[in-house]
Amino acid sequence: AKQHLSIRYRSGGTTQSGFDCSGFTRFCFKHFGISLPHSSAAQGN
């Protein structure tokens, strides 16, 4: 996650060209084989 500091915010973003909040956490965990939903509300469950 720290390797991606300063990557810009992008609504709905899920890649290194831009992340939204849940896209970022999803991206980080997915790199290690963990699938999280792409919405902060769903990640809250």
Full PDB file with SEQRES, HELIX, SHEET, SSBOND, CRYST1, ORIGX, SCALE, CONECT and MASTER records, all heavy atoms in Angstrom:
SEQRES   1 A   45  ALA LYS GLN HIS LEU SER ILE ARG TYR ARG SER GLY GLY          
SEQRES   2 A   45  THR THR GLN SER GLY PHE ASP CYS SER GLY PHE THR ARG          
SEQRES   3 A   45  PHE CYS PHE LYS HIS PHE GLY ILE SER LEU PRO HIS SER          
SEQRES   4 A   45  SER ALA ALA GLN GLY ASN                                      
HELIX    1 AA1 LYS A    2  HIS A    4  5                                   3    
HELIX    2 AA2 CYS A   21  LYS A   30  1                                  10    
HELIX    3 AA3 SER A   40  GLN A   43  1                                   4    
CRYST1    1.000    1.000    1.000  90.00  90.00  90.00 P 1           1          
ORIGX1      1.000000  0.000000  0.000000        0.00000                         
ORIGX2      0.000000  1.000000  0.000000        0.00000                         
ORIGX3      0.000000  0.000000  1.000000        0.00000                         
SCALE1      1.000000  0.000000  0.000000        0.00000                         
SCALE2      0.000000  1.000000  0.000000        0.00000                         
SCALE3      0.000000  0.000000  1.000000        0.00000                         
ATOM      1  N   ALA A   1       0.840  -1.209   0.000  1.00  0.00           N  
ATOM      2  CA  ALA A   1       0.000   0.000   0.000  1.00  0.00           C  
ATOM      3  C   ALA A   1       0.874   1.259   0.000  1.00  0.00           C  
ATOM      4  O   ALA A   1       0.610   2.212  -0.747  1.00  0.00           O  
ATOM      5  CB  ALA A   1      -0.936  -0.005   1.204  1.00  0.00           C  
ATOM      6  N   LYS A   2       1.941   1.266   0.793  1.00  0.00           N  
ATOM      7  CA  LYS A   2       2.827   2.425   0.895  1.00  0.00           C  
ATOM      8  C   LYS A   2       3.502   2.738  -0.439  1.00  0.00           C  
ATOM      9  O   LYS A   2       3.828   3.893  -0.714  1.00  0.00           O  
ATOM     10  CB  LYS A   2       3.895   2.187   1.960  1.00  0.00           C  
ATOM     11  CG  LYS A   2       3.352   2.187   3.373  1.00  0.00           C  
ATOM     12  CD  LYS A   2       4.456   1.868   4.357  1.00  0.00           C  
ATOM     13  CE  LYS A   2       3.920   1.789   5.770  1.00  0.00           C  
ATOM     14  NZ  LYS A   2       4.995   1.484   6.736  1.00  0.00           N  
ATOM     15  N   GLN A   3       3.701   1.742  -1.273  1.00  0.00           N  
ATOM     16  CA  GLN A   3       4.331   1.953  -2.579  1.00  0.00           C  
ATOM     17  C   GLN A   3       3.459   2.811  -3.502  1.00  0.00           C  
ATOM     18  O   GLN A   3       3.930   3.271  -4.543  1.00  0.00           O  
ATOM     19  CB  GLN A   3       4.612   0.614  -3.262  1.00  0.00           C  
ATOM     20  CG  GLN A   3       5.657  -0.223  -2.583  1.00  0.00           C  
ATOM     21  CD  GLN A   3       5.759  -1.616  -3.202  1.00  0.00           C  
ATOM     22  OE1 GLN A   3       5.342  -1.844  -4.327  1.00  0.00           O  
ATOM     23  NE2 GLN A   3       6.304  -2.549  -2.435  1.00  0.00           N  
ATOM     24  N   HIS A   4       2.213   3.013  -3.115  1.00  0.00           N  
ATOM     25  CA  HIS A   4       1.282   3.738  -3.972  1.00  0.00           C  
ATOM     26  C   HIS A   4       0.936   5.130  -3.438  1.00  0.00           C  
ATOM     27  O   HIS A   4       0.009   5.776  -3.931  1.00  0.00           O  
ATOM     28  CB  HIS A   4       0.014   2.894  -4.177  1.00  0.00           C  
ATOM     29  CG  HIS A   4       0.331   1.597  -4.851  1.00  0.00           C  
ATOM     30  ND1 HIS A   4       0.700   0.473  -4.150  1.00  0.00           N  
ATOM     31  CD2 HIS A   4       0.403   1.266  -6.163  1.00  0.00           C  
ATOM     32  CE1 HIS A   4       0.962  -0.504  -4.994  1.00  0.00           C  
ATOM     33  NE2 HIS A   4       0.788  -0.048  -6.223  1.00  0.00           N  
ATOM     34  N   LEU A   5       1.696   5.601  -2.458  1.00  0.00           N  
ATOM     35  CA  LEU A   5       1.492   6.949  -1.936  1.00  0.00           C  
ATOM     36  C   LEU A   5       1.546   7.963  -3.068  1.00  0.00           C  
ATOM     37  O   LEU A   5       2.355   7.834  -3.994  1.00  0.00           O  
ATOM     38  CB  LEU A   5       2.550   7.288  -0.882  1.00  0.00           C  
ATOM     39  CG  LEU A   5       2.326   6.664   0.487  1.00  0.00           C  
ATOM     40  CD1 LEU A   5       3.577   6.767   1.343  1.00  0.00           C  
ATOM     41  CD2 LEU A   5       1.138   7.305   1.188  1.00  0.00           C  
ATOM     42  N   SER A   6       0.695   8.940  -3.015  1.00  0.00           N  
ATOM     43  CA  SER A   6       0.611  10.061  -3.956  1.00  0.00           C  
ATOM     44  C   SER A   6      -0.065   9.736  -5.283  1.00  0.00           C  
ATOM     45  O   SER A   6      -0.185  10.616  -6.133  1.00  0.00           O  
ATOM     46  CB  SER A   6       1.995  10.667  -4.227  1.00  0.00           C  
ATOM     47  OG  SER A   6       2.547  11.137  -3.017  1.00  0.00           O  
ATOM     48  N   ILE A   7      -0.511   8.501  -5.498  1.00  0.00           N  
ATOM     49  CA  ILE A   7      -1.293   8.232  -6.709  1.00  0.00           C  
ATOM     50  C   ILE A   7      -2.600   8.988  -6.568  1.00  0.00           C  
ATOM     51  O   ILE A   7      -3.219   9.007  -5.504  1.00  0.00           O  
ATOM     52  CB  ILE A   7      -1.520   6.719  -6.918  1.00  0.00           C  
ATOM     53  CG1 ILE A   7      -0.197   6.049  -7.309  1.00  0.00           C  
ATOM     54  CG2 ILE A   7      -2.593   6.469  -7.980  1.00  0.00           C  
ATOM     55  CD1 ILE A   7      -0.277   4.563  -7.551  1.00  0.00           C  
ATOM     56  N   ARG A   8      -3.026   9.611  -7.636  1.00  0.00           N  
ATOM     57  CA  ARG A   8      -4.177  10.518  -7.581  1.00  0.00           C  
ATOM     58  C   ARG A   8      -5.481   9.780  -7.263  1.00  0.00           C  
ATOM     59  O   ARG A   8      -5.605   8.582  -7.506  1.00  0.00           O  
ATOM     60  CB  ARG A   8      -4.313  11.297  -8.880  1.00  0.00           C  
ATOM     61  CG  ARG A   8      -4.801  10.473 -10.047  1.00  0.00           C  
ATOM     62  CD  ARG A   8      -4.762  11.308 -11.333  1.00  0.00           C  
ATOM     63  NE  ARG A   8      -5.493  10.654 -12.399  1.00  0.00           N  
ATOM     64  CZ  ARG A   8      -6.641  11.090 -12.878  1.00  0.00           C  
ATOM     65  NH1 ARG A   8      -7.206  12.165 -12.397  1.00  0.00           N  
ATOM     66  NH2 ARG A   8      -7.236  10.446 -13.857  1.00  0.00           N  
ATOM     67  N   TYR A   9      -6.422  10.552  -6.764  1.00  0.00           N  
ATOM     68  CA  TYR A   9      -7.775  10.057  -6.529  1.00  0.00           C  
ATOM     69  C   TYR A   9      -8.515  10.052  -7.860  1.00  0.00           C  
ATOM     70  O   TYR A   9      -8.403  10.989  -8.651  1.00  0.00           O  
ATOM     71  CB  TYR A   9      -8.524  10.950  -5.534  1.00  0.00           C  
ATOM     72  CG  TYR A   9      -9.938  10.483  -5.287  1.00  0.00           C  
ATOM     73  CD1 TYR A   9     -10.206   9.555  -4.302  1.00  0.00           C  
ATOM     74  CD2 TYR A   9     -10.990  10.955  -6.060  1.00  0.00           C  
ATOM     75  CE1 TYR A   9     -11.508   9.111  -4.079  1.00  0.00           C  
ATOM     76  CE2 TYR A   9     -12.284  10.519  -5.853  1.00  0.00           C  
ATOM     77  CZ  TYR A   9     -12.533   9.593  -4.856  1.00  0.00           C  
ATOM     78  OH  TYR A   9     -13.806   9.149  -4.649  1.00  0.00           O  
ATOM     79  N   ARG A  10      -9.279   8.986  -8.081  1.00  0.00           N  
ATOM     80  CA  ARG A  10     -10.148   8.919  -9.257  1.00  0.00           C  
ATOM     81  C   ARG A  10     -11.426   8.208  -8.824  1.00  0.00           C  
ATOM     82  O   ARG A  10     -11.374   7.065  -8.348  1.00  0.00           O  
ATOM     83  CB  ARG A  10      -9.487   8.160 -10.391  1.00  0.00           C  
ATOM     84  CG  ARG A  10     -10.438   7.997 -11.589  1.00  0.00           C  
ATOM     85  CD  ARG A  10      -9.792   7.269 -12.733  1.00  0.00           C  
ATOM     86  NE  ARG A  10      -8.983   8.232 -13.476  1.00  0.00           N  
ATOM     87  CZ  ARG A  10      -8.225   7.901 -14.502  1.00  0.00           C  
ATOM     88  NH1 ARG A  10      -8.140   6.649 -14.895  1.00  0.00           N  
ATOM     89  NH2 ARG A  10      -7.537   8.819 -15.132  1.00  0.00           N  
ATOM     90  N   SER A  11     -12.556   8.859  -8.988  1.00  0.00           N  
ATOM     91  CA  SER A  11     -13.837   8.263  -8.623  1.00  0.00           C  
ATOM     92  C   SER A  11     -14.022   6.943  -9.374  1.00  0.00           C  
ATOM     93  O   SER A  11     -13.871   6.888 -10.592  1.00  0.00           O  
ATOM     94  CB  SER A  11     -14.968   9.223  -8.971  1.00  0.00           C  
ATOM     95  OG  SER A  11     -16.208   8.664  -8.590  1.00  0.00           O  
ATOM     96  N   GLY A  12     -14.297   5.885  -8.657  1.00  0.00           N  
ATOM     97  CA  GLY A  12     -14.466   4.562  -9.245  1.00  0.00           C  
ATOM     98  C   GLY A  12     -13.157   3.897  -9.627  1.00  0.00           C  
ATOM     99  O   GLY A  12     -13.157   2.787 -10.155  1.00  0.00           O  
ATOM    100  N   GLY A  13     -12.019   4.555  -9.353  1.00  0.00           N  
ATOM    101  CA  GLY A  13     -10.715   4.057  -9.772  1.00  0.00           C  
ATOM    102  C   GLY A  13     -10.257   2.823  -9.013  1.00  0.00           C  
ATOM    103  O   GLY A  13     -10.391   2.734  -7.799  1.00  0.00           O  
ATOM    104  N   THR A  14      -9.674   1.897  -9.762  1.00  0.00           N  
ATOM    105  CA  THR A  14      -9.200   0.633  -9.181  1.00  0.00           C  
ATOM    106  C   THR A  14      -7.801   0.273  -9.663  1.00  0.00           C  
ATOM    107  O   THR A  14      -7.352  -0.843  -9.449  1.00  0.00           O  
ATOM    108  CB  THR A  14     -10.151  -0.526  -9.539  1.00  0.00           C  
ATOM    109  OG1 THR A  14     -10.181  -0.657 -10.969  1.00  0.00           O  
ATOM    110  CG2 THR A  14     -11.555  -0.302  -9.006  1.00  0.00           C  
ATOM    111  N   THR A  15      -7.127   1.222 -10.328  1.00  0.00           N  
ATOM    112  CA  THR A  15      -5.803   0.933 -10.873  1.00  0.00           C  
ATOM    113  C   THR A  15      -4.812   2.015 -10.463  1.00  0.00           C  
ATOM    114  O   THR A  15      -5.200   3.056  -9.917  1.00  0.00           O  
ATOM    115  CB  THR A  15      -5.828   0.864 -12.418  1.00  0.00           C  
ATOM    116  OG1 THR A  15      -6.094   2.179 -12.926  1.00  0.00           O  
ATOM    117  CG2 THR A  15      -6.883  -0.117 -12.911  1.00  0.00           C  
ATOM    118  N   GLN A  16      -3.549   1.793 -10.807  1.00  0.00           N  
ATOM    119  CA  GLN A  16      -2.504   2.740 -10.443  1.00  0.00           C  
ATOM    120  C   GLN A  16      -2.628   4.070 -11.182  1.00  0.00           C  
ATOM    121  O   GLN A  16      -1.931   5.016 -10.844  1.00  0.00           O  
ATOM    122  CB  GLN A  16      -1.135   2.113 -10.690  1.00  0.00           C  
ATOM    123  CG  GLN A  16      -0.889   0.945  -9.744  1.00  0.00           C  
ATOM    124  CD  GLN A  16       0.372   0.188 -10.080  1.00  0.00           C  
ATOM    125  OE1 GLN A  16       0.706  -0.024 -11.231  1.00  0.00           O  
ATOM    126  NE2 GLN A  16       1.078  -0.244  -9.040  1.00  0.00           N  
ATOM    127  N   SER A  17      -3.531   4.171 -12.135  1.00  0.00           N  
ATOM    128  CA  SER A  17      -3.764   5.469 -12.765  1.00  0.00           C  
ATOM    129  C   SER A  17      -4.705   6.325 -11.915  1.00  0.00           C  
ATOM    130  O   SER A  17      -4.887   7.507 -12.199  1.00  0.00           O  
ATOM    131  CB  SER A  17      -4.319   5.301 -14.180  1.00  0.00           C  
ATOM    132  OG  SER A  17      -5.577   4.671 -14.150  1.00  0.00           O  
ATOM    133  N   GLY A  18      -5.272   5.757 -10.869  1.00  0.00           N  
ATOM    134  CA  GLY A  18      -6.116   6.490  -9.935  1.00  0.00           C  
ATOM    135  C   GLY A  18      -7.019   5.558  -9.155  1.00  0.00           C  
ATOM    136  O   GLY A  18      -7.538   4.587  -9.704  1.00  0.00           O  
ATOM    137  N   PHE A  19      -7.177   5.841  -7.867  1.00  0.00           N  
ATOM    138  CA  PHE A  19      -7.991   5.004  -6.980  1.00  0.00           C  
ATOM    139  C   PHE A  19      -9.044   5.842  -6.286  1.00  0.00           C  
ATOM    140  O   PHE A  19      -8.784   6.989  -5.910  1.00  0.00           O  
ATOM    141  CB  PHE A  19      -7.139   4.399  -5.858  1.00  0.00           C  
ATOM    142  CG  PHE A  19      -6.081   3.443  -6.282  1.00  0.00           C  
ATOM    143  CD1 PHE A  19      -4.744   3.804  -6.249  1.00  0.00           C  
ATOM    144  CD2 PHE A  19      -6.406   2.161  -6.695  1.00  0.00           C  
ATOM    145  CE1 PHE A  19      -3.749   2.918  -6.613  1.00  0.00           C  
ATOM    146  CE2 PHE A  19      -5.419   1.261  -7.064  1.00  0.00           C  
ATOM    147  CZ  PHE A  19      -4.085   1.646  -7.031  1.00  0.00           C  
ATOM    148  N   ASP A  20     -10.207   5.245  -6.049  1.00  0.00           N  
ATOM    149  CA  ASP A  20     -11.074   5.781  -5.017  1.00  0.00           C  
ATOM    150  C   ASP A  20     -10.718   5.000  -3.754  1.00  0.00           C  
ATOM    151  O   ASP A  20      -9.847   4.118  -3.781  1.00  0.00           O  
ATOM    152  CB  ASP A  20     -12.559   5.714  -5.391  1.00  0.00           C  
ATOM    153  CG  ASP A  20     -13.131   4.312  -5.506  1.00  0.00           C  
ATOM    154  OD1 ASP A  20     -12.442   3.317  -5.162  1.00  0.00           O  
ATOM    155  OD2 ASP A  20     -14.286   4.193  -5.942  1.00  0.00           O  
ATOM    156  N   CYS A  21     -11.347   5.301  -2.636  1.00  0.00           N  
ATOM    157  CA  CYS A  21     -10.933   4.693  -1.367  1.00  0.00           C  
ATOM    158  C   CYS A  21     -11.066   3.171  -1.365  1.00  0.00           C  
ATOM    159  O   CYS A  21     -10.125   2.450  -1.035  1.00  0.00           O  
ATOM    160  CB  CYS A  21     -11.680   5.315  -0.198  1.00  0.00           C  
ATOM    161  SG  CYS A  21     -13.476   5.053  -0.223  1.00  0.00           S  
ATOM    162  N   SER A  22     -12.228   2.675  -1.745  1.00  0.00           N  
ATOM    163  CA  SER A  22     -12.436   1.222  -1.716  1.00  0.00           C  
ATOM    164  C   SER A  22     -11.699   0.527  -2.850  1.00  0.00           C  
ATOM    165  O   SER A  22     -11.273  -0.618  -2.708  1.00  0.00           O  
ATOM    166  CB  SER A  22     -13.930   0.889  -1.767  1.00  0.00           C  
ATOM    167  OG  SER A  22     -14.515   1.418  -2.938  1.00  0.00           O  
ATOM    168  N   GLY A  23     -11.500   1.232  -3.952  1.00  0.00           N  
ATOM    169  CA  GLY A  23     -10.702   0.683  -5.041  1.00  0.00           C  
ATOM    170  C   GLY A  23      -9.266   0.469  -4.602  1.00  0.00           C  
ATOM    171  O   GLY A  23      -8.617  -0.507  -4.983  1.00  0.00           O  
ATOM    172  N   PHE A  24      -8.766   1.384  -3.763  1.00  0.00           N  
ATOM    173  CA  PHE A  24      -7.396   1.266  -3.256  1.00  0.00           C  
ATOM    174  C   PHE A  24      -7.252   0.080  -2.301  1.00  0.00           C  
ATOM    175  O   PHE A  24      -6.337  -0.732  -2.454  1.00  0.00           O  
ATOM    176  CB  PHE A  24      -6.973   2.565  -2.558  1.00  0.00           C  
ATOM    177  CG  PHE A  24      -5.615   2.489  -1.936  1.00  0.00           C  
ATOM    178  CD1 PHE A  24      -4.481   2.335  -2.728  1.00  0.00           C  
ATOM    179  CD2 PHE A  24      -5.457   2.567  -0.566  1.00  0.00           C  
ATOM    180  CE1 PHE A  24      -3.214   2.260  -2.165  1.00  0.00           C  
ATOM    181  CE2 PHE A  24      -4.203   2.495   0.008  1.00  0.00           C  
ATOM    182  CZ  PHE A  24      -3.075   2.337  -0.787  1.00  0.00           C  
ATOM    183  N   THR A  25      -8.147  -0.033  -1.311  1.00  0.00           N  
ATOM    184  CA  THR A  25      -8.029  -1.157  -0.377  1.00  0.00           C  
ATOM    185  C   THR A  25      -8.239  -2.480  -1.112  1.00  0.00           C  
ATOM    186  O   THR A  25      -7.536  -3.459  -0.859  1.00  0.00           O  
ATOM    187  CB  THR A  25      -9.018  -1.025   0.802  1.00  0.00           C  
ATOM    188  OG1 THR A  25     -10.342  -0.833   0.296  1.00  0.00           O  
ATOM    189  CG2 THR A  25      -8.642   0.138   1.713  1.00  0.00           C  
ATOM    190  N   ARG A  26      -9.166  -2.488  -2.040  1.00  0.00           N  
ATOM    191  CA  ARG A  26      -9.425  -3.694  -2.840  1.00  0.00           C  
ATOM    192  C   ARG A  26      -8.184  -4.080  -3.643  1.00  0.00           C  
ATOM    193  O   ARG A  26      -7.792  -5.243  -3.693  1.00  0.00           O  
ATOM    194  CB  ARG A  26     -10.612  -3.447  -3.762  1.00  0.00           C  
ATOM    195  CG  ARG A  26     -11.025  -4.648  -4.561  1.00  0.00           C  
ATOM    196  CD  ARG A  26     -12.292  -4.319  -5.348  1.00  0.00           C  
ATOM    197  NE  ARG A  26     -12.876  -5.535  -5.850  1.00  0.00           N  
ATOM    198  CZ  ARG A  26     -13.089  -5.778  -7.134  1.00  0.00           C  
ATOM    199  NH1 ARG A  26     -12.763  -4.876  -8.038  1.00  0.00           N  
ATOM    200  NH2 ARG A  26     -13.620  -6.901  -7.514  1.00  0.00           N  
ATOM    201  N   PHE A  27      -7.543  -3.107  -4.289  1.00  0.00           N  
ATOM    202  CA  PHE A  27      -6.337  -3.322  -5.081  1.00  0.00           C  
ATOM    203  C   PHE A  27      -5.220  -3.924  -4.221  1.00  0.00           C  
ATOM    204  O   PHE A  27      -4.547  -4.879  -4.626  1.00  0.00           O  
ATOM    205  CB  PHE A  27      -5.893  -1.988  -5.686  1.00  0.00           C  
ATOM    206  CG  PHE A  27      -4.614  -2.049  -6.471  1.00  0.00           C  
ATOM    207  CD1 PHE A  27      -4.613  -2.454  -7.800  1.00  0.00           C  
ATOM    208  CD2 PHE A  27      -3.418  -1.665  -5.893  1.00  0.00           C  
ATOM    209  CE1 PHE A  27      -3.434  -2.483  -8.540  1.00  0.00           C  
ATOM    210  CE2 PHE A  27      -2.235  -1.692  -6.611  1.00  0.00           C  
ATOM    211  CZ  PHE A  27      -2.242  -2.105  -7.940  1.00  0.00           C  
ATOM    212  N   CYS A  28      -5.024  -3.358  -3.035  1.00  0.00           N  
ATOM    213  CA  CYS A  28      -3.946  -3.826  -2.149  1.00  0.00           C  
ATOM    214  C   CYS A  28      -4.171  -5.263  -1.695  1.00  0.00           C  
ATOM    215  O   CYS A  28      -3.247  -6.086  -1.732  1.00  0.00           O  
ATOM    216  CB  CYS A  28      -3.811  -2.900  -0.945  1.00  0.00           C  
ATOM    217  SG  CYS A  28      -3.210  -1.246  -1.381  1.00  0.00           S  
ATOM    218  N   PHE A  29      -5.374  -5.582  -1.269  1.00  0.00           N  
ATOM    219  CA  PHE A  29      -5.650  -6.939  -0.809  1.00  0.00           C  
ATOM    220  C   PHE A  29      -5.680  -7.930  -1.970  1.00  0.00           C  
ATOM    221  O   PHE A  29      -5.242  -9.064  -1.824  1.00  0.00           O  
ATOM    222  CB  PHE A  29      -6.948  -6.988  -0.002  1.00  0.00           C  
ATOM    223  CG  PHE A  29      -6.766  -6.518   1.411  1.00  0.00           C  
ATOM    224  CD1 PHE A  29      -6.973  -5.187   1.749  1.00  0.00           C  
ATOM    225  CD2 PHE A  29      -6.376  -7.399   2.407  1.00  0.00           C  
ATOM    226  CE1 PHE A  29      -6.792  -4.747   3.048  1.00  0.00           C  
ATOM    227  CE2 PHE A  29      -6.188  -6.965   3.709  1.00  0.00           C  
ATOM    228  CZ  PHE A  29      -6.393  -5.639   4.032  1.00  0.00           C  
ATOM    229  N   LYS A  30      -6.182  -7.494  -3.126  1.00  0.00           N  
ATOM    230  CA  LYS A  30      -6.249  -8.381  -4.288  1.00  0.00           C  
ATOM    231  C   LYS A  30      -4.861  -8.843  -4.712  1.00  0.00           C  
ATOM    232  O   LYS A  30      -4.681  -9.975  -5.153  1.00  0.00           O  
ATOM    233  CB  LYS A  30      -6.946  -7.674  -5.448  1.00  0.00           C  
ATOM    234  CG  LYS A  30      -7.143  -8.550  -6.670  1.00  0.00           C  
ATOM    235  CD  LYS A  30      -7.880  -7.811  -7.768  1.00  0.00           C  
ATOM    236  CE  LYS A  30      -8.070  -8.719  -8.966  1.00  0.00           C  
ATOM    237  NZ  LYS A  30      -8.771  -8.030 -10.050  1.00  0.00           N  
ATOM    238  N   HIS A  31      -3.858  -7.984  -4.551  1.00  0.00           N  
ATOM    239  CA  HIS A  31      -2.471  -8.330  -4.890  1.00  0.00           C  
ATOM    240  C   HIS A  31      -2.006  -9.566  -4.109  1.00  0.00           C  
ATOM    241  O   HIS A  31      -1.117 -10.282  -4.551  1.00  0.00           O  
ATOM    242  CB  HIS A  31      -1.556  -7.140  -4.609  1.00  0.00           C  
ATOM    243  CG  HIS A  31      -0.139  -7.354  -5.013  1.00  0.00           C  
ATOM    244  ND1 HIS A  31       0.271  -7.298  -6.327  1.00  0.00           N  
ATOM    245  CD2 HIS A  31       0.958  -7.643  -4.282  1.00  0.00           C  
ATOM    246  CE1 HIS A  31       1.567  -7.544  -6.381  1.00  0.00           C  
ATOM    247  NE2 HIS A  31       2.011  -7.749  -5.154  1.00  0.00           N  
ATOM    248  N   PHE A  32      -2.627  -9.811  -2.966  1.00  0.00           N  
ATOM    249  CA  PHE A  32      -2.268 -10.951  -2.122  1.00  0.00           C  
ATOM    250  C   PHE A  32      -3.351 -12.035  -2.135  1.00  0.00           C  
ATOM    251  O   PHE A  32      -3.403 -12.885  -1.248  1.00  0.00           O  
ATOM    252  CB  PHE A  32      -1.976 -10.474  -0.695  1.00  0.00           C  
ATOM    253  CG  PHE A  32      -0.765  -9.589  -0.651  1.00  0.00           C  
ATOM    254  CD1 PHE A  32      -0.896  -8.212  -0.771  1.00  0.00           C  
ATOM    255  CD2 PHE A  32       0.504 -10.124  -0.552  1.00  0.00           C  
ATOM    256  CE1 PHE A  32       0.214  -7.393  -0.781  1.00  0.00           C  
ATOM    257  CE2 PHE A  32       1.625  -9.319  -0.560  1.00  0.00           C  
ATOM    258  CZ  PHE A  32       1.483  -7.943  -0.675  1.00  0.00           C  
ATOM    259  N   GLY A  33      -4.229 -11.986  -3.137  1.00  0.00           N  
ATOM    260  CA  GLY A  33      -5.210 -13.042  -3.326  1.00  0.00           C  
ATOM    261  C   GLY A  33      -6.480 -12.912  -2.515  1.00  0.00           C  
ATOM    262  O   GLY A  33      -7.254 -13.856  -2.425  1.00  0.00           O  
ATOM    263  N   ILE A  34      -6.717 -11.745  -1.931  1.00  0.00           N  
ATOM    264  CA  ILE A  34      -7.920 -11.528  -1.125  1.00  0.00           C  
ATOM    265  C   ILE A  34      -8.872 -10.640  -1.915  1.00  0.00           C  
ATOM    266  O   ILE A  34      -8.516  -9.545  -2.319  1.00  0.00           O  
ATOM    267  CB  ILE A  34      -7.591 -10.841   0.211  1.00  0.00           C  
ATOM    268  CG1 ILE A  34      -6.569 -11.644   0.989  1.00  0.00           C  
ATOM    269  CG2 ILE A  34      -8.850 -10.594   1.028  1.00  0.00           C  
ATOM    270  CD1 ILE A  34      -6.979 -13.048   1.310  1.00  0.00           C  
ATOM    271  N   SER A  35     -10.089 -11.115  -2.111  1.00  0.00           N  
ATOM    272  CA  SER A  35     -11.075 -10.358  -2.866  1.00  0.00           C  
ATOM    273  C   SER A  35     -11.980  -9.583  -1.913  1.00  0.00           C  
ATOM    274  O   SER A  35     -12.658 -10.172  -1.081  1.00  0.00           O  
ATOM    275  CB  SER A  35     -11.906 -11.318  -3.721  1.00  0.00           C  
ATOM    276  OG  SER A  35     -12.854 -10.606  -4.460  1.00  0.00           O  
ATOM    277  N   LEU A  36     -11.952  -8.262  -2.046  1.00  0.00           N  
ATOM    278  CA  LEU A  36     -12.858  -7.394  -1.291  1.00  0.00           C  
ATOM    279  C   LEU A  36     -13.842  -6.778  -2.278  1.00  0.00           C  
ATOM    280  O   LEU A  36     -13.499  -6.545  -3.435  1.00  0.00           O  
ATOM    281  CB  LEU A  36     -12.081  -6.263  -0.600  1.00  0.00           C  
ATOM    282  CG  LEU A  36     -11.123  -6.640   0.519  1.00  0.00           C  
ATOM    283  CD1 LEU A  36     -10.406  -5.393   1.048  1.00  0.00           C  
ATOM    284  CD2 LEU A  36     -11.851  -7.352   1.647  1.00  0.00           C  
ATOM    285  N   PRO A  37     -15.046  -6.476  -1.825  1.00  0.00           N  
ATOM    286  CA  PRO A  37     -16.008  -5.811  -2.709  1.00  0.00           C  
ATOM    287  C   PRO A  37     -15.547  -4.390  -3.028  1.00  0.00           C  
ATOM    288  O   PRO A  37     -14.750  -3.810  -2.295  1.00  0.00           O  
ATOM    289  CB  PRO A  37     -17.304  -5.809  -1.899  1.00  0.00           C  
ATOM    290  CG  PRO A  37     -16.929  -6.109  -0.510  1.00  0.00           C  
ATOM    291  CD  PRO A  37     -15.593  -6.758  -0.506  1.00  0.00           C  
ATOM    292  N   HIS A  38     -16.052  -3.827  -4.139  1.00  0.00           N  
ATOM    293  CA  HIS A  38     -15.654  -2.473  -4.509  1.00  0.00           C  
ATOM    294  C   HIS A  38     -16.707  -1.455  -4.089  1.00  0.00           C  
ATOM    295  O   HIS A  38     -17.356  -0.812  -4.900  1.00  0.00           O  
ATOM    296  CB  HIS A  38     -15.370  -2.338  -5.999  1.00  0.00           C  
ATOM    297  CG  HIS A  38     -14.811  -0.990  -6.326  1.00  0.00           C  
ATOM    298  ND1 HIS A  38     -14.557  -0.572  -7.591  1.00  0.00           N  
ATOM    299  CD2 HIS A  38     -14.454   0.052  -5.540  1.00  0.00           C  
ATOM    300  CE1 HIS A  38     -14.070   0.661  -7.578  1.00  0.00           C  
ATOM    301  NE2 HIS A  38     -14.012   1.053  -6.329  1.00  0.00           N  
ATOM    302  N   SER A  39     -16.876  -1.352  -2.817  1.00  0.00           N  
ATOM    303  CA  SER A  39     -17.612  -0.235  -2.226  1.00  0.00           C  
ATOM    304  C   SER A  39     -17.238  -0.217  -0.755  1.00  0.00           C  
ATOM    305  O   SER A  39     -17.061  -1.271  -0.137  1.00  0.00           O  
ATOM    306  CB  SER A  39     -19.126  -0.364  -2.410  1.00  0.00           C  
ATOM    307  OG  SER A  39     -19.734  -1.045  -1.357  1.00  0.00           O  
ATOM    308  N   SER A  40     -17.070   0.975  -0.217  1.00  0.00           N  
ATOM    309  CA  SER A  40     -16.692   1.072   1.194  1.00  0.00           C  
ATOM    310  C   SER A  40     -17.781   0.493   2.084  1.00  0.00           C  
ATOM    311  O   SER A  40     -17.483  -0.170   3.079  1.00  0.00           O  
ATOM    312  CB  SER A  40     -16.379   2.521   1.571  1.00  0.00           C  
ATOM    313  OG  SER A  40     -17.425   3.373   1.177  1.00  0.00           O  
ATOM    314  N   ALA A  41     -19.050   0.698   1.724  1.00  0.00           N  
ATOM    315  CA  ALA A  41     -20.145   0.149   2.532  1.00  0.00           C  
ATOM    316  C   ALA A  41     -20.085  -1.374   2.541  1.00  0.00           C  
ATOM    317  O   ALA A  41     -20.255  -2.001   3.590  1.00  0.00           O  
ATOM    318  CB  ALA A  41     -21.491   0.630   1.996  1.00  0.00           C  
ATOM    319  N   ALA A  42     -19.824  -1.986   1.399  1.00  0.00           N  
ATOM    320  CA  ALA A  42     -19.742  -3.452   1.336  1.00  0.00           C  
ATOM    321  C   ALA A  42     -18.506  -3.958   2.076  1.00  0.00           C  
ATOM    322  O   ALA A  42     -18.557  -5.000   2.742  1.00  0.00           O  
ATOM    323  CB  ALA A  42     -19.719  -3.916  -0.119  1.00  0.00           C  
ATOM    324  N   GLN A  43     -17.393  -3.224   2.004  1.00  0.00           N  
ATOM    325  CA  GLN A  43     -16.205  -3.632   2.753  1.00  0.00           C  
ATOM    326  C   GLN A  43     -16.454  -3.548   4.255  1.00  0.00           C  
ATOM    327  O   GLN A  43     -15.822  -4.255   5.036  1.00  0.00           O  
ATOM    328  CB  GLN A  43     -14.994  -2.785   2.347  1.00  0.00           C  
ATOM    329  CG  GLN A  43     -14.479  -3.143   0.965  1.00  0.00           C  
ATOM    330  CD  GLN A  43     -13.246  -2.371   0.558  1.00  0.00           C  
ATOM    331  OE1 GLN A  43     -12.549  -1.781   1.375  1.00  0.00           O  
ATOM    332  NE2 GLN A  43     -12.962  -2.382  -0.739  1.00  0.00           N  
ATOM    333  N   GLY A  44     -17.407  -2.721   4.657  1.00  0.00           N  
ATOM    334  CA  GLY A  44     -17.790  -2.622   6.060  1.00  0.00           C  
ATOM    335  C   GLY A  44     -18.518  -3.845   6.573  1.00  0.00           C  
ATOM    336  O   GLY A  44     -18.793  -3.955   7.770  1.00  0.00           O  
ATOM    337  N   ASN A  45     -18.837  -4.780   5.690  1.00  0.00           N  
ATOM    338  CA  ASN A  45     -19.490  -6.033   6.088  1.00  0.00           C  
ATOM    339  C   ASN A  45     -18.562  -7.232   5.990  1.00  0.00           C  
ATOM    340  O   ASN A  45     -18.972  -8.350   6.257  1.00  0.00           O  
ATOM    341  CB  ASN A  45     -20.718  -6.287   5.203  1.00  0.00           C  
ATOM    342  CG  ASN A  45     -21.797  -5.257   5.438  1.00  0.00           C  
ATOM    343  OD1 ASN A  45     -22.070  -4.877   6.578  1.00  0.00           O  
ATOM    344  ND2 ASN A  45     -22.394  -4.773   4.369  1.00  0.00           N  
TER     345      ASN A  45                                                      
MASTER        0    0    0    3    0    0    0    6  344    1    0    4          
END                                                                             
